[in-house]
Amino acid sequence: MQVDIVGNLNEIDFNPSDEYHEIIQNVKTICSTPKYSVPLDREFGVNASLVDRPINYIQAKLTAEIIEAINNYEPRAKVKSVNFTGDGLTGLLIPVVKIELS
């Protein structure tokens, strides 16, 4: 089964009802957490220090970081693609991650 996940903290369910929803919640948490912000695991999350870089660079770097983080922290999800909504003019990029649940 493939699922599109938008990295947005206000949509995270911290009390998932089943394994399917737990995997989705974990991927959302990974995509929404800035790296170095978790005290006991500073590598958790994605790099948030890409401000003021070219948009193509940011998208490529974040794509690689998201794939690596999901592979490391949620092995039950396989990343199929990473796309972004938003644009460089507004300064807002929101990852849309397509995963396959195993």
PDB file of N, CA and C in Angstrom:
ATOM      1  N   MET A   1       0.835  -1.174   0.000  1.00  0.00           N
ATOM      2  CA  MET A   1       0.000   0.000   0.000  1.00  0.00           C
ATOM      3  C   MET A   1       0.884   1.243   0.000  1.00  0.00           C
ATOM      4  N   GLN A   2       0.560   2.220  -0.846  1.00  0.00           N
ATOM      5  CA  GLN A   2       1.311   3.463  -0.900  1.00  0.00           C
ATOM      6  C   GLN A   2       0.493   4.593  -0.287  1.00  0.00           C
ATOM      7  N   VAL A   3       1.186   5.488   0.425  1.00  0.00           N
ATOM      8  CA  VAL A   3       0.533   6.587   1.127  1.00  0.00           C
ATOM      9  C   VAL A   3       1.332   7.857   0.885  1.00  0.00           C
ATOM     10  N   ASP A   4       0.651   8.983   0.628  1.00  0.00           N
ATOM     11  CA  ASP A   4       1.293  10.291   0.563  1.00  0.00           C
ATOM     12  C   ASP A   4       1.217  10.921   1.948  1.00  0.00           C
ATOM     13  N   ILE A   5       2.367  11.380   2.442  1.00  0.00           N
ATOM     14  CA  ILE A   5       2.429  11.977   3.765  1.00  0.00           C
ATOM     15  C   ILE A   5       2.972  13.392   3.638  1.00  0.00           C
ATOM     16  N   VAL A   6       2.266  14.332   4.225  1.00  0.00           N
ATOM     17  CA  VAL A   6       2.715  15.717   4.256  1.00  0.00           C
ATOM     18  C   VAL A   6       3.318  15.971   5.631  1.00  0.00           C
ATOM     19  N   GLY A   7       4.577  16.442   5.649  1.00  0.00           N
ATOM     20  CA  GLY A   7       5.254  16.703   6.913  1.00  0.00           C
ATOM     21  C   GLY A   7       4.687  17.929   7.595  1.00  0.00           C
ATOM     22  N   ASN A   8       3.738  17.712   8.485  1.00  0.00           N
ATOM     23  CA  ASN A   8       3.074  18.817   9.159  1.00  0.00           C
ATOM     24  C   ASN A   8       2.751  18.376  10.579  1.00  0.00           C
ATOM     25  N   LEU A   9       3.368  19.007  11.573  1.00  0.00           N
ATOM     26  CA  LEU A   9       3.226  18.573  12.961  1.00  0.00           C
ATOM     27  C   LEU A   9       1.807  18.627  13.489  1.00  0.00           C
ATOM     28  N   ASN A  10       0.992  19.570  13.046  1.00  0.00           N
ATOM     29  CA  ASN A  10      -0.343  19.680  13.624  1.00  0.00           C
ATOM     30  C   ASN A  10      -1.267  18.544  13.189  1.00  0.00           C
ATOM     31  N   GLU A  11      -0.833  17.700  12.280  1.00  0.00           N
ATOM     32  CA  GLU A  11      -1.647  16.572  11.844  1.00  0.00           C
ATOM     33  C   GLU A  11      -1.128  15.244  12.403  1.00  0.00           C
ATOM     34  N   ILE A  12      -0.172  15.270  13.315  1.00  0.00           N
ATOM     35  CA  ILE A  12       0.387  14.048  13.860  1.00  0.00           C
ATOM     36  C   ILE A  12      -0.531  13.494  14.936  1.00  0.00           C
ATOM     37  N   ASP A  13      -0.783  12.194  14.871  1.00  0.00           N
ATOM     38  CA  ASP A  13      -1.588  11.499  15.860  1.00  0.00           C
ATOM     39  C   ASP A  13      -0.646  10.814  16.838  1.00  0.00           C
ATOM     40  N   PHE A  14      -0.528  11.338  18.050  1.00  0.00           N
ATOM     41  CA  PHE A  14       0.399  10.785  19.021  1.00  0.00           C
ATOM     42  C   PHE A  14      -0.156   9.560  19.748  1.00  0.00           C
ATOM     43  N   ASN A  15      -1.345   9.134  19.382  1.00  0.00           N
ATOM     44  CA  ASN A  15      -1.936   7.933  19.950  1.00  0.00           C
ATOM     45  C   ASN A  15      -2.562   7.110  18.823  1.00  0.00           C
ATOM     46  N   PRO A  16      -1.727   6.554  17.932  1.00  0.00           N
ATOM     47  CA  PRO A  16      -2.271   5.827  16.786  1.00  0.00           C
ATOM     48  C   PRO A  16      -3.024   4.569  17.206  1.00  0.00           C
ATOM     49  N   SER A  17      -4.061   4.258  16.452  1.00  0.00           N
ATOM     50  CA  SER A  17      -4.929   3.136  16.791  1.00  0.00           C
ATOM     51  C   SER A  17      -4.410   1.787  16.295  1.00  0.00           C
ATOM     52  N   ASP A  18      -3.523   1.812  15.311  1.00  0.00           N
ATOM     53  CA  ASP A  18      -2.986   0.558  14.777  1.00  0.00           C
ATOM     54  C   ASP A  18      -1.599   0.795  14.176  1.00  0.00           C
ATOM     55  N   GLU A  19      -0.976  -0.279  13.699  1.00  0.00           N
ATOM     56  CA  GLU A  19       0.391  -0.181  13.175  1.00  0.00           C
ATOM     57  C   GLU A  19       0.460   0.715  11.938  1.00  0.00           C
ATOM     58  N   TYR A  20      -0.527   0.638  11.081  1.00  0.00           N
ATOM     59  CA  TYR A  20      -0.587   1.467   9.882  1.00  0.00           C
ATOM     60  C   TYR A  20      -0.495   2.955  10.259  1.00  0.00           C
ATOM     61  N   HIS A  21      -1.320   3.387  11.197  1.00  0.00           N
ATOM     62  CA  HIS A  21      -1.313   4.790  11.622  1.00  0.00           C
ATOM     63  C   HIS A  21      -0.057   5.142  12.408  1.00  0.00           C
ATOM     64  N   GLU A  22       0.516   4.168  13.100  1.00  0.00           N
ATOM     65  CA  GLU A  22       1.768   4.400  13.826  1.00  0.00           C
ATOM     66  C   GLU A  22       2.914   4.702  12.862  1.00  0.00           C
ATOM     67  N   ILE A  23       2.986   3.963  11.762  1.00  0.00           N
ATOM     68  CA  ILE A  23       4.036   4.195  10.761  1.00  0.00           C
ATOM     69  C   ILE A  23       3.877   5.586  10.157  1.00  0.00           C
ATOM     70  N   ILE A  24       2.657   5.961   9.813  1.00  0.00           N
ATOM     71  CA  ILE A  24       2.400   7.287   9.251  1.00  0.00           C
ATOM     72  C   ILE A  24       2.787   8.372  10.252  1.00  0.00           C
ATOM     73  N   GLN A  25       2.415   8.194  11.505  1.00  0.00           N
ATOM     74  CA  GLN A  25       2.759   9.160  12.549  1.00  0.00           C
ATOM     75  C   GLN A  25       4.267   9.275  12.683  1.00  0.00           C
ATOM     76  N   ASN A  26       4.983   8.157  12.643  1.00  0.00           N
ATOM     77  CA  ASN A  26       6.441   8.178  12.768  1.00  0.00           C
ATOM     78  C   ASN A  26       7.090   8.925  11.608  1.00  0.00           C
ATOM     79  N   VAL A  27       6.616   8.700  10.393  1.00  0.00           N
ATOM     80  CA  VAL A  27       7.181   9.386   9.228  1.00  0.00           C
ATOM     81  C   VAL A  27       6.906  10.888   9.315  1.00  0.00           C
ATOM     82  N   LYS A  28       5.710  11.273   9.736  1.00  0.00           N
ATOM     83  CA  LYS A  28       5.404  12.696   9.893  1.00  0.00           C
ATOM     84  C   LYS A  28       6.315  13.329  10.944  1.00  0.00           C
ATOM     85  N   THR A  29       6.535  12.611  12.032  1.00  0.00           N
ATOM     86  CA  THR A  29       7.403  13.128  13.092  1.00  0.00           C
ATOM     87  C   THR A  29       8.827  13.302  12.581  1.00  0.00           C
ATOM     88  N   ILE A  30       9.329  12.334  11.842  1.00  0.00           N
ATOM     89  CA  ILE A  30      10.683  12.415  11.279  1.00  0.00           C
ATOM     90  C   ILE A  30      10.803  13.633  10.362  1.00  0.00           C
ATOM     91  N   CYS A  31       9.824  13.820   9.484  1.00  0.00           N
ATOM     92  CA  CYS A  31       9.885  14.916   8.505  1.00  0.00           C
ATOM     93  C   CYS A  31       9.691  16.286   9.142  1.00  0.00           C
ATOM     94  N   SER A  32       9.088  16.343  10.315  1.00  0.00           N
ATOM     95  CA  SER A  32       8.776  17.616  10.953  1.00  0.00           C
ATOM     96  C   SER A  32       9.758  18.019  12.046  1.00  0.00           C
ATOM     97  N   THR A  33      10.688  17.147  12.370  1.00  0.00           N
ATOM     98  CA  THR A  33      11.605  17.408  13.472  1.00  0.00           C
ATOM     99  C   THR A  33      12.939  17.928  12.958  1.00  0.00           C
ATOM    100  N   PRO A  34      13.379  19.096  13.417  1.00  0.00           N
ATOM    101  CA  PRO A  34      14.699  19.597  13.018  1.00  0.00           C
ATOM    102  C   PRO A  34      15.804  18.748  13.658  1.00  0.00           C
ATOM    103  N   LYS A  35      16.783  18.398  12.850  1.00  0.00           N
ATOM    104  CA  LYS A  35      17.941  17.660  13.347  1.00  0.00           C
ATOM    105  C   LYS A  35      18.594  18.450  14.477  1.00  0.00           C
ATOM    106  N   TYR A  36      19.139  17.748  15.441  1.00  0.00           N
ATOM    107  CA  TYR A  36      19.832  18.293  16.622  1.00  0.00           C
ATOM    108  C   TYR A  36      18.870  18.824  17.680  1.00  0.00           C
ATOM    109  N   SER A  37      17.546  18.676  17.506  1.00  0.00           N
ATOM    110  CA  SER A  37      16.599  19.202  18.487  1.00  0.00           C
ATOM    111  C   SER A  37      16.126  18.151  19.495  1.00  0.00           C
ATOM    112  N   VAL A  38      16.456  16.891  19.270  1.00  0.00           N
ATOM    113  CA  VAL A  38      16.042  15.829  20.185  1.00  0.00           C
ATOM    114  C   VAL A  38      17.217  15.527  21.117  1.00  0.00           C
ATOM    115  N   PRO A  39      17.087  15.799  22.414  1.00  0.00           N
ATOM    116  CA  PRO A  39      18.223  15.715  23.330  1.00  0.00           C
ATOM    117  C   PRO A  39      18.976  14.385  23.347  1.00  0.00           C
ATOM    118  N   LEU A  40      18.298  13.265  23.339  1.00  0.00           N
ATOM    119  CA  LEU A  40      19.003  11.987  23.450  1.00  0.00           C
ATOM    120  C   LEU A  40      19.343  11.367  22.098  1.00  0.00           C
ATOM    121  N   ASP A  41      18.926  11.994  21.015  1.00  0.00           N
ATOM    122  CA  ASP A  41      19.272  11.507  19.674  1.00  0.00           C
ATOM    123  C   ASP A  41      19.375  12.707  18.739  1.00  0.00           C
ATOM    124  N   ARG A  42      20.505  13.367  18.752  1.00  0.00           N
ATOM    125  CA  ARG A  42      20.692  14.605  17.981  1.00  0.00           C
ATOM    126  C   ARG A  42      20.622  14.394  16.470  1.00  0.00           C
ATOM    127  N   GLU A  43      20.768  13.165  15.988  1.00  0.00           N
ATOM    128  CA  GLU A  43      20.713  12.889  14.551  1.00  0.00           C
ATOM    129  C   GLU A  43      19.289  12.675  14.042  1.00  0.00           C
ATOM    130  N   PHE A  44      18.314  12.585  14.948  1.00  0.00           N
ATOM    131  CA  PHE A  44      16.924  12.359  14.556  1.00  0.00           C
ATOM    132  C   PHE A  44      16.379  13.578  13.826  1.00  0.00           C
ATOM    133  N   GLY A  45      15.663  13.358  12.733  1.00  0.00           N
ATOM    134  CA  GLY A  45      15.021  14.440  11.994  1.00  0.00           C
ATOM    135  C   GLY A  45      15.789  14.837  10.746  1.00  0.00           C
ATOM    136  N   VAL A  46      15.478  16.019  10.233  1.00  0.00           N
ATOM    137  CA  VAL A  46      16.108  16.524   9.008  1.00  0.00           C
ATOM    138  C   VAL A  46      16.750  17.880   9.273  1.00  0.00           C
ATOM    139  N   ASN A  47      17.751  18.199   8.494  1.00  0.00           N
ATOM    140  CA  ASN A  47      18.529  19.415   8.652  1.00  0.00           C
ATOM    141  C   ASN A  47      17.672  20.654   8.361  1.00  0.00           C
ATOM    142  N   ALA A  48      17.580  21.540   9.328  1.00  0.00           N
ATOM    143  CA  ALA A  48      16.780  22.756   9.172  1.00  0.00           C
ATOM    144  C   ALA A  48      17.649  23.991   8.949  1.00  0.00           C
ATOM    145  N   SER A  49      18.929  23.796   8.695  1.00  0.00           N
ATOM    146  CA  SER A  49      19.838  24.946   8.551  1.00  0.00           C
ATOM    147  C   SER A  49      20.110  25.291   7.091  1.00  0.00           C
ATOM    148  N   LEU A  50      19.143  25.059   6.235  1.00  0.00           N
ATOM    149  CA  LEU A  50      19.333  25.298   4.804  1.00  0.00           C
ATOM    150  C   LEU A  50      18.756  26.629   4.347  1.00  0.00           C
ATOM    151  N   VAL A  51      18.509  27.512   5.272  1.00  0.00           N
ATOM    152  CA  VAL A  51      17.923  28.819   4.969  1.00  0.00           C
ATOM    153  C   VAL A  51      18.859  29.610   4.048  1.00  0.00           C
ATOM    154  N   ASP A  52      18.278  30.360   3.140  1.00  0.00           N
ATOM    155  CA  ASP A  52      19.000  31.253   2.224  1.00  0.00           C
ATOM    156  C   ASP A  52      19.863  30.527   1.202  1.00  0.00           C
ATOM    157  N   ARG A  53      19.551  29.285   0.929  1.00  0.00           N
ATOM    158  CA  ARG A  53      20.240  28.545  -0.128  1.00  0.00           C
ATOM    159  C   ARG A  53      19.345  28.524  -1.365  1.00  0.00           C
ATOM    160  N   PRO A  54      19.902  28.233  -2.538  1.00  0.00           N
ATOM    161  CA  PRO A  54      19.063  28.113  -3.735  1.00  0.00           C
ATOM    162  C   PRO A  54      18.017  27.007  -3.567  1.00  0.00           C
ATOM    163  N   ILE A  55      16.820  27.254  -4.088  1.00  0.00           N
ATOM    164  CA  ILE A  55      15.697  26.338  -3.897  1.00  0.00           C
ATOM    165  C   ILE A  55      16.000  24.933  -4.407  1.00  0.00           C
ATOM    166  N   ASN A  56      16.692  24.815  -5.541  1.00  0.00           N
ATOM    167  CA  ASN A  56      17.021  23.488  -6.078  1.00  0.00           C
ATOM    168  C   ASN A  56      17.955  22.737  -5.143  1.00  0.00           C
ATOM    169  N   TYR A  57      18.901  23.449  -4.550  1.00  0.00           N
ATOM    170  CA  TYR A  57      19.828  22.836  -3.597  1.00  0.00           C
ATOM    171  C   TYR A  57      19.073  22.335  -2.371  1.00  0.00           C
ATOM    172  N   ILE A  58      18.176  23.183  -1.850  1.00  0.00           N
ATOM    173  CA  ILE A  58      17.411  22.811  -0.662  1.00  0.00           C
ATOM    174  C   ILE A  58      16.558  21.577  -0.931  1.00  0.00           C
ATOM    175  N   GLN A  59      15.876  21.549  -2.063  1.00  0.00           N
ATOM    176  CA  GLN A  59      15.031  20.393  -2.387  1.00  0.00           C
ATOM    177  C   GLN A  59      15.856  19.117  -2.507  1.00  0.00           C
ATOM    178  N   ALA A  60      16.998  19.186  -3.160  1.00  0.00           N
ATOM    179  CA  ALA A  60      17.849  17.999  -3.308  1.00  0.00           C
ATOM    180  C   ALA A  60      18.384  17.532  -1.956  1.00  0.00           C
ATOM    181  N   LYS A  61      18.859  18.471  -1.159  1.00  0.00           N
ATOM    182  CA  LYS A  61      19.424  18.137   0.152  1.00  0.00           C
ATOM    183  C   LYS A  61      18.356  17.570   1.084  1.00  0.00           C
ATOM    184  N   LEU A  62      17.191  18.211   1.137  1.00  0.00           N
ATOM    185  CA  LEU A  62      16.117  17.718   1.995  1.00  0.00           C
ATOM    186  C   LEU A  62      15.603  16.355   1.542  1.00  0.00           C
ATOM    187  N   THR A  63      15.526  16.141   0.237  1.00  0.00           N
ATOM    188  CA  THR A  63      15.101  14.839  -0.269  1.00  0.00           C
ATOM    189  C   THR A  63      16.030  13.743   0.225  1.00  0.00           C
ATOM    190  N   ALA A  64      17.328  13.963   0.097  1.00  0.00           N
ATOM    191  CA  ALA A  64      18.304  12.975   0.570  1.00  0.00           C
ATOM    192  C   ALA A  64      18.201  12.769   2.074  1.00  0.00           C
ATOM    193  N   GLU A  65      18.038  13.843   2.831  1.00  0.00           N
ATOM    194  CA  GLU A  65      17.951  13.740   4.284  1.00  0.00           C
ATOM    195  C   GLU A  65      16.685  13.020   4.730  1.00  0.00           C
ATOM    196  N   ILE A  66      15.574  13.311   4.078  1.00  0.00           N
ATOM    197  CA  ILE A  66      14.311  12.659   4.427  1.00  0.00           C
ATOM    198  C   ILE A  66      14.396  11.156   4.164  1.00  0.00           C
ATOM    199  N   ILE A  67      14.918  10.783   3.005  1.00  0.00           N
ATOM    200  CA  ILE A  67      15.046   9.359   2.676  1.00  0.00           C
ATOM    201  C   ILE A  67      15.946   8.656   3.674  1.00  0.00           C
ATOM    202  N   GLU A  68      17.083   9.251   3.990  1.00  0.00           N
ATOM    203  CA  GLU A  68      18.018   8.650   4.942  1.00  0.00           C
ATOM    204  C   GLU A  68      17.395   8.528   6.337  1.00  0.00           C
ATOM    205  N   ALA A  69      16.720   9.573   6.790  1.00  0.00           N
ATOM    206  CA  ALA A  69      16.121   9.555   8.129  1.00  0.00           C
ATOM    207  C   ALA A  69      15.015   8.503   8.229  1.00  0.00           C
ATOM    208  N   ILE A  70      14.175   8.409   7.213  1.00  0.00           N
ATOM    209  CA  ILE A  70      13.107   7.407   7.244  1.00  0.00           C
ATOM    210  C   ILE A  70      13.695   6.003   7.196  1.00  0.00           C
ATOM    211  N   ASN A  71      14.711   5.795   6.372  1.00  0.00           N
ATOM    212  CA  ASN A  71      15.363   4.479   6.326  1.00  0.00           C
ATOM    213  C   ASN A  71      15.950   4.103   7.680  1.00  0.00           C
ATOM    214  N   ASN A  72      16.527   5.068   8.382  1.00  0.00           N
ATOM    215  CA  ASN A  72      17.153   4.800   9.680  1.00  0.00           C
ATOM    216  C   ASN A  72      16.145   4.619  10.813  1.00  0.00           C
ATOM    217  N   TYR A  73      15.091   5.436  10.840  1.00  0.00           N
ATOM    218  CA  TYR A  73      14.208   5.478  11.999  1.00  0.00           C
ATOM    219  C   TYR A  73      12.853   4.802  11.808  1.00  0.00           C
ATOM    220  N   GLU A  74      12.457   4.526  10.585  1.00  0.00           N
ATOM    221  CA  GLU A  74      11.187   3.831  10.350  1.00  0.00           C
ATOM    222  C   GLU A  74      11.353   2.847   9.192  1.00  0.00           C
ATOM    223  N   PRO A  75      12.016   1.711   9.458  1.00  0.00           N
ATOM    224  CA  PRO A  75      12.304   0.743   8.393  1.00  0.00           C
ATOM    225  C   PRO A  75      11.067   0.051   7.824  1.00  0.00           C
ATOM    226  N   ARG A  76       9.914   0.191   8.472  1.00  0.00           N
ATOM    227  CA  ARG A  76       8.680  -0.409   7.939  1.00  0.00           C
ATOM    228  C   ARG A  76       8.120   0.387   6.762  1.00  0.00           C
ATOM    229  N   ALA A  77       8.646   1.578   6.530  1.00  0.00           N
ATOM    230  CA  ALA A  77       8.204   2.429   5.423  1.00  0.00           C
ATOM    231  C   ALA A  77       9.323   2.528   4.390  1.00  0.00           C
ATOM    232  N   LYS A  78       8.967   2.334   3.133  1.00  0.00           N
ATOM    233  CA  LYS A  78       9.934   2.492   2.044  1.00  0.00           C
ATOM    234  C   LYS A  78       9.552   3.740   1.254  1.00  0.00           C
ATOM    235  N   VAL A  79      10.498   4.672   1.137  1.00  0.00           N
ATOM    236  CA  VAL A  79      10.226   5.926   0.430  1.00  0.00           C
ATOM    237  C   VAL A  79      10.196   5.672  -1.073  1.00  0.00           C
ATOM    238  N   LYS A  80       9.088   6.062  -1.690  1.00  0.00           N
ATOM    239  CA  LYS A  80       8.941   5.929  -3.144  1.00  0.00           C
ATOM    240  C   LYS A  80       9.293   7.241  -3.851  1.00  0.00           C
ATOM    241  N   SER A  81       8.950   8.380  -3.229  1.00  0.00           N
ATOM    242  CA  SER A  81       9.291   9.680  -3.812  1.00  0.00           C
ATOM    243  C   SER A  81       9.148  10.768  -2.754  1.00  0.00           C
ATOM    244  N   VAL A  82       9.838  11.884  -3.005  1.00  0.00           N
ATOM    245  CA  VAL A  82       9.709  13.077  -2.168  1.00  0.00           C
ATOM    246  C   VAL A  82       9.502  14.260  -3.108  1.00  0.00           C
ATOM    247  N   ASN A  83       8.400  14.960  -2.932  1.00  0.00           N
ATOM    248  CA  ASN A  83       8.101  16.170  -3.685  1.00  0.00           C
ATOM    249  C   ASN A  83       7.843  17.283  -2.685  1.00  0.00           C
ATOM    250  N   PHE A  84       7.714  18.495  -3.172  1.00  0.00           N
ATOM    251  CA  PHE A  84       7.513  19.630  -2.280  1.00  0.00           C
ATOM    252  C   PHE A  84       6.372  20.499  -2.766  1.00  0.00           C
ATOM    253  N   THR A  85       5.602  21.028  -1.805  1.00  0.00           N
ATOM    254  CA  THR A  85       4.631  22.066  -2.118  1.00  0.00           C
ATOM    255  C   THR A  85       5.229  23.372  -1.626  1.00  0.00           C
ATOM    256  N   GLY A  86       4.700  24.472  -2.085  1.00  0.00           N
ATOM    257  CA  GLY A  86       5.274  25.774  -1.742  1.00  0.00           C
ATOM    258  C   GLY A  86       6.302  26.163  -2.796  1.00  0.00           C
ATOM    259  N   ASP A  87       6.957  27.284  -2.576  1.00  0.00           N
ATOM    260  CA  ASP A  87       7.959  27.733  -3.537  1.00  0.00           C
ATOM    261  C   ASP A  87       8.986  28.623  -2.844  1.00  0.00           C
ATOM    262  N   GLY A  88       9.988  28.990  -3.578  1.00  0.00           N
ATOM    263  CA  GLY A  88      11.044  29.826  -3.043  1.00  0.00           C
ATOM    264  C   GLY A  88      10.624  31.260  -2.785  1.00  0.00           C
ATOM    265  N   LEU A  89       9.595  31.722  -3.455  1.00  0.00           N
ATOM    266  CA  LEU A  89       9.149  33.109  -3.265  1.00  0.00           C
ATOM    267  C   LEU A  89       8.548  33.328  -1.892  1.00  0.00           C
ATOM    268  N   THR A  90       7.827  32.347  -1.391  1.00  0.00           N
ATOM    269  CA  THR A  90       7.220  32.475  -0.061  1.00  0.00           C
ATOM    270  C   THR A  90       8.159  31.993   1.033  1.00  0.00           C
ATOM    271  N   GLY A  91       9.206  31.294   0.662  1.00  0.00           N
ATOM    272  CA  GLY A  91      10.147  30.772   1.646  1.00  0.00           C
ATOM    273  C   GLY A  91       9.632  29.563   2.395  1.00  0.00           C
ATOM    274  N   LEU A  92       8.602  28.924   1.875  1.00  0.00           N
ATOM    275  CA  LEU A  92       7.999  27.777   2.553  1.00  0.00           C
ATOM    276  C   LEU A  92       8.014  26.560   1.634  1.00  0.00           C
ATOM    277  N   LEU A  93       8.681  25.512   2.079  1.00  0.00           N
ATOM    278  CA  LEU A  93       8.667  24.238   1.369  1.00  0.00           C
ATOM    279  C   LEU A  93       8.119  23.179   2.321  1.00  0.00           C
ATOM    280  N   ILE A  94       7.110  22.468   1.886  1.00  0.00           N
ATOM    281  CA  ILE A  94       6.529  21.404   2.690  1.00  0.00           C
ATOM    282  C   ILE A  94       6.743  20.094   1.948  1.00  0.00           C
ATOM    283  N   PRO A  95       7.440  19.137   2.581  1.00  0.00           N
ATOM    284  CA  PRO A  95       7.672  17.863   1.892  1.00  0.00           C
ATOM    285  C   PRO A  95       6.393  17.032   1.806  1.00  0.00           C
ATOM    286  N   VAL A  96       6.218  16.397   0.658  1.00  0.00           N
ATOM    287  CA  VAL A  96       5.158  15.416   0.456  1.00  0.00           C
ATOM    288  C   VAL A  96       5.876  14.106   0.129  1.00  0.00           C
ATOM    289  N   VAL A  97       5.833  13.171   1.072  1.00  0.00           N
ATOM    290  CA  VAL A  97       6.602  11.936   0.971  1.00  0.00           C
ATOM    291  C   VAL A  97       5.662  10.797   0.637  1.00  0.00           C
ATOM    292  N   LYS A  98       5.947  10.108  -0.456  1.00  0.00           N
ATOM    293  CA  LYS A  98       5.154   8.923  -0.821  1.00  0.00           C
ATOM    294  C   LYS A  98       5.906   7.715  -0.289  1.00  0.00           C
ATOM    295  N   ILE A  99       5.232   6.949   0.580  1.00  0.00           N
ATOM    296  CA  ILE A  99       5.850   5.751   1.140  1.00  0.00           C
ATOM    297  C   ILE A  99       5.057   4.511   0.781  1.00  0.00           C
ATOM    298  N   GLU A 100       5.742   3.399   0.852  1.00  0.00           N
ATOM    299  CA  GLU A 100       5.100   2.103   0.706  1.00  0.00           C
ATOM    300  C   GLU A 100       5.249   1.391   2.041  1.00  0.00           C
ATOM    301  N   LEU A 101       4.153   0.904   2.569  1.00  0.00           N
ATOM    302  CA  LEU A 101       4.205   0.222   3.862  1.00  0.00           C
ATOM    303  C   LEU A 101       4.512  -1.248   3.646  1.00  0.00           C
ATOM    304  N   SER A 102       5.468  -1.736   4.440  1.00  0.00           N
ATOM    305  CA  SER A 102       5.845  -3.143   4.295  1.00  0.00           C
ATOM    306  C   SER A 102       5.318  -3.980   5.441  1.00  0.00           C
TER     307      SER A 102
END
